[in-house]
Amino acid sequence: MREEPPRLQRRVNDQAISLAREWRMLGRAASAVALLTSPALFFLFYSTYDWPLGWSLLAAAAGVVIFRGGVDVIAHKMIPSPALYGAEDALKEQDVMSRRRVWYWRHKFKIWFWIGAILLVVGFIVSRTKDESIADAMSNMISSIPSGIGQAAQLGATFFVFMIFNFLILFGPLVIMGIQQIKTYEPGDADWGVKLDDVRGQAEAKLEITRVVSLWQSGEEFEKAGGKRERGVLFLGAPGTGKTMLSKAIATSFNCPFVTIPGSGFAQTFIGMDAVIVRYLARKAKKMANKWGGQCIVFIDEIDAVGLRRSSLGSGYQPIQSGTIHDSHFFGPMGAMTSTGDLIDETEAWREKLFAMRAEPTPSPYPPIVTKFAAGVNKAMMPGGMMGMGGGGLALNQLLVVMDGIDEPPFMKRFRTRKFNTFLDAIYFVPQRLFGRKLRLKPPKPRKEEVYFIGACNVPLEMLDPALTRPGRMGRHIYFRTPTWEDRRDIFDLYLGKVGHEEALDTAKARDELARITNGYSPAMIDQACSLALTYAHSNDRVAFSRQDLLEAMTTVETGVAIGQQGPKHELRAIAIHEAGHAVTSHVFRENMLATRLSIKKRGETGGHHQAMAIEDRFGSWRSEEVGSLITVLGAMAAELVFYGQNGNGVGGDLGMATARASYMVGSAGMAPAPIDLSDRIPDKEAREKAEKKVVERFQELGTKLLHRSSNMDGSMFGSAVGDPGKRKLVTGLLGQSFVIAYATIRLNKDATERIAERLIAETEMYGDDVTEMLDEARLLKPEIDVLDENAWPVI
């Protein structure tokens, strides 16, 4: 027979229940005594003091209640309260009522005791000063209480009004400025001309938020099935990826009120004002929800201004970071990899860095004069103690309280219910139930209004406070990626459909090309480029713009208007050779990179540039791909050496980038130079090892000449590899090997490189298909290098 496992037997505490019943009997006995003695108290007031009948009855009843309260307080002070685990509900309900009575009367007796003590002390002082008995002094004081209460009330009201006016004078303008940043849009009010279909390039994010908002508006069946609606949603992504635009589409498309506030709206001048703004925001949202059927959406833009991890504000917390080459080499508004701005590679890491760089600083909601005045007030009143700007701690705490309190009953209803029920329990005359009906107010239910929150931020999720991002608050996280090749094509389909353009731009090939050549463009930049292109067309009396108009508009958006004076022809040829060297080596050694632009037109500080994009966004890269990128960087200097026998000073940016990339490969990725193996050329082991060592040293010597050391690379996370003697040899060896390969590639494809340069000189700028077709037609070859051949070694 199978034995049952032992179980914990939870038994009722019989002694505690017996004690509770005795407490109940004691209470009834005290009530009986009070009622028996109440006639004597009534006749005392009615006959002895000649009080009116009504007041005498009321005083007698008050005496009974006070006596019962005193008995409960004294008895509970002397005898412990019983623990009623497992008792019947009626007994537990009686115990709750008894505890309420004790708390109520203990509080009242304390107040009366201190009032009496104060009156006694004051009476004693008055009796000494006026030379009268304490009884007379107390009698005079008690008789003057009615008039004193009136005067105290008048003084209190005056003081209250005075404080209110002072508060309004000091804080009123600041609070008004903060409140003005809260914008409320009722259904039908908000129309930014943005619909959900206008949000392009973020299909997954748009689908996800549509599901969430649909449940917010009509999720009754979802809740009946056991589901729980999300209270808040967090938009995560770099600036310019469409988070605010999607919020506008929600406000326009969904039939519910929409309240918005920027994160800077919480950056109030004085401590405590940010919490006031949050309370006003919640009140406004609840009011809108009550007016429009129960739902309201609150959008907080740049919520990272208030929602940063609180421990990171004053501790050593640092999020996990994975360094990329772009952390140390990212130049100009378009994120060139070289300081000269002539080499741009679009990758996912590059786009993230580029979009993060475009983030605008959070402005203060106050004019400078107000901020300066507040600083003066803070310094004069509480040095270092009142300034609230930049902290955001109170605002975050209050925001969390508000989000948690949405599902709770209203505070005032809970307060009134608790006070009223406690008073009924404390006067003893009103029973808990009468004829089976409960004679107490029911606990208030949560409000029917539902307020939902959407926050948008530009920082990584781990930088935000976990209390804000946990489930139940903003636990639904929607990521917005930087626009990829396919995303930009989708965005172009939207904006080209709004402006007049030639039909040639409507083909799939043309749209694909436009998406490829707009590396790092945000939706706003694509919109601006299309509008600017139409401006160029209209200035030439054309109603539709062409591909050339759009190309000129794009380069103007990126780097400004082109400089007409290009310089002498021999310099243009040198620049063309330089850029052709980048293009040729990139086309040969980087299979995942696609050339998108080639230019020798001077814009800003850049004389020309080569631009490419990753065909696929990959999480990592292989050594062969990193070496290919290193060869591409050195390809321009190799081309100058092949064509001119020397290099110009324009390779400084290339060498800086090459040094950083080689240092990264050796110092962070463990990618050393390729081993030298001459076993198929030199049979003798000793001679072979000697020759291999000589080749390695020669690569290192060549790499040392290429090593960029105009700075100590302190700003680079990979600079320590150059400072370590062992790593330095590997870095220089890798640089030497890569330059030999680049040099051999240009030598082998010299004629094709020259043709590319000549065409670039003729066209000045080339884009998209023109570049890729030209490089494909060149039929470029990958060289085979013989390290024992002296001609394979460049002379620098």
Foldseek 3Di string as FASTA:
>chain_A
DDDDDDDDDDDWDPVLLVVLVVVVVVLVVLLVVLVVCLVVQLCCCCPVVVDDNVVSVVVSLVSSLLSSLVVLQVVCVVDPHGDGVPHDPVSVVVSVLSVLQNVVNVVVVVVVVVVVVVLQVVLVVVCVVVVHDSVVSSVVVVVCVVVVVVVVVVVVVVVVVVVVVVCCVLCVVLLVLLLVQKDKAAAPRACPVAALLLQFQAVVLSVVVVVLVVCLVDVPVVVVVPDDRFQEAEEEAFPQLCPVSSVSNCCHPDRAMEIEGELLSLQGFWPPSSLVSLVVNLVVQLVRCVVRPFEYEYEYEAVCLQFFALCVVPHDDDDDDDDDLLLQAFDDLQGARFPLRAEAEFFQVSLRVNRNVPDDDDDHSDDPVVNVVSQVVCCVPPPPPIGRGRNNPSNVVSNLVSLVCQQPADPVQQVVQVVVQSVQSSSVPDDQDDPRHGPGDDHGGHDSHRYHYYYYHHDDPVRGHCSQCPTSHNVHYRYRGQRDLVRQLRLCVSLPVVAAADCVCVDPQNSSQVSFQLRSDRSVLSNQLLVQLCVVQVVVVHRHGYPVSSVQSSVCSRFRHFDPDLDDPVVLLLVLLLQLLLLQLLVAQAPQKDWFKWFQTDGDSHRIHTYIYGNDHDPDDDLSNLLSVLLSLLRSQLSCCVVPVHGDPVSLRSLVSSLLSLLCCVVPVVRFADQDDCCVPDVDPVVRVVVSVVLLVVQLVQLVVSHNPPDQCPSHPRSVLCVDVVSVSRSSSSSSVSNLQSNQQCVVLVVLSSVSSVVCSVVRMDGGPVSRVSSVVSPGDGDDDDSVDPVSHRDD
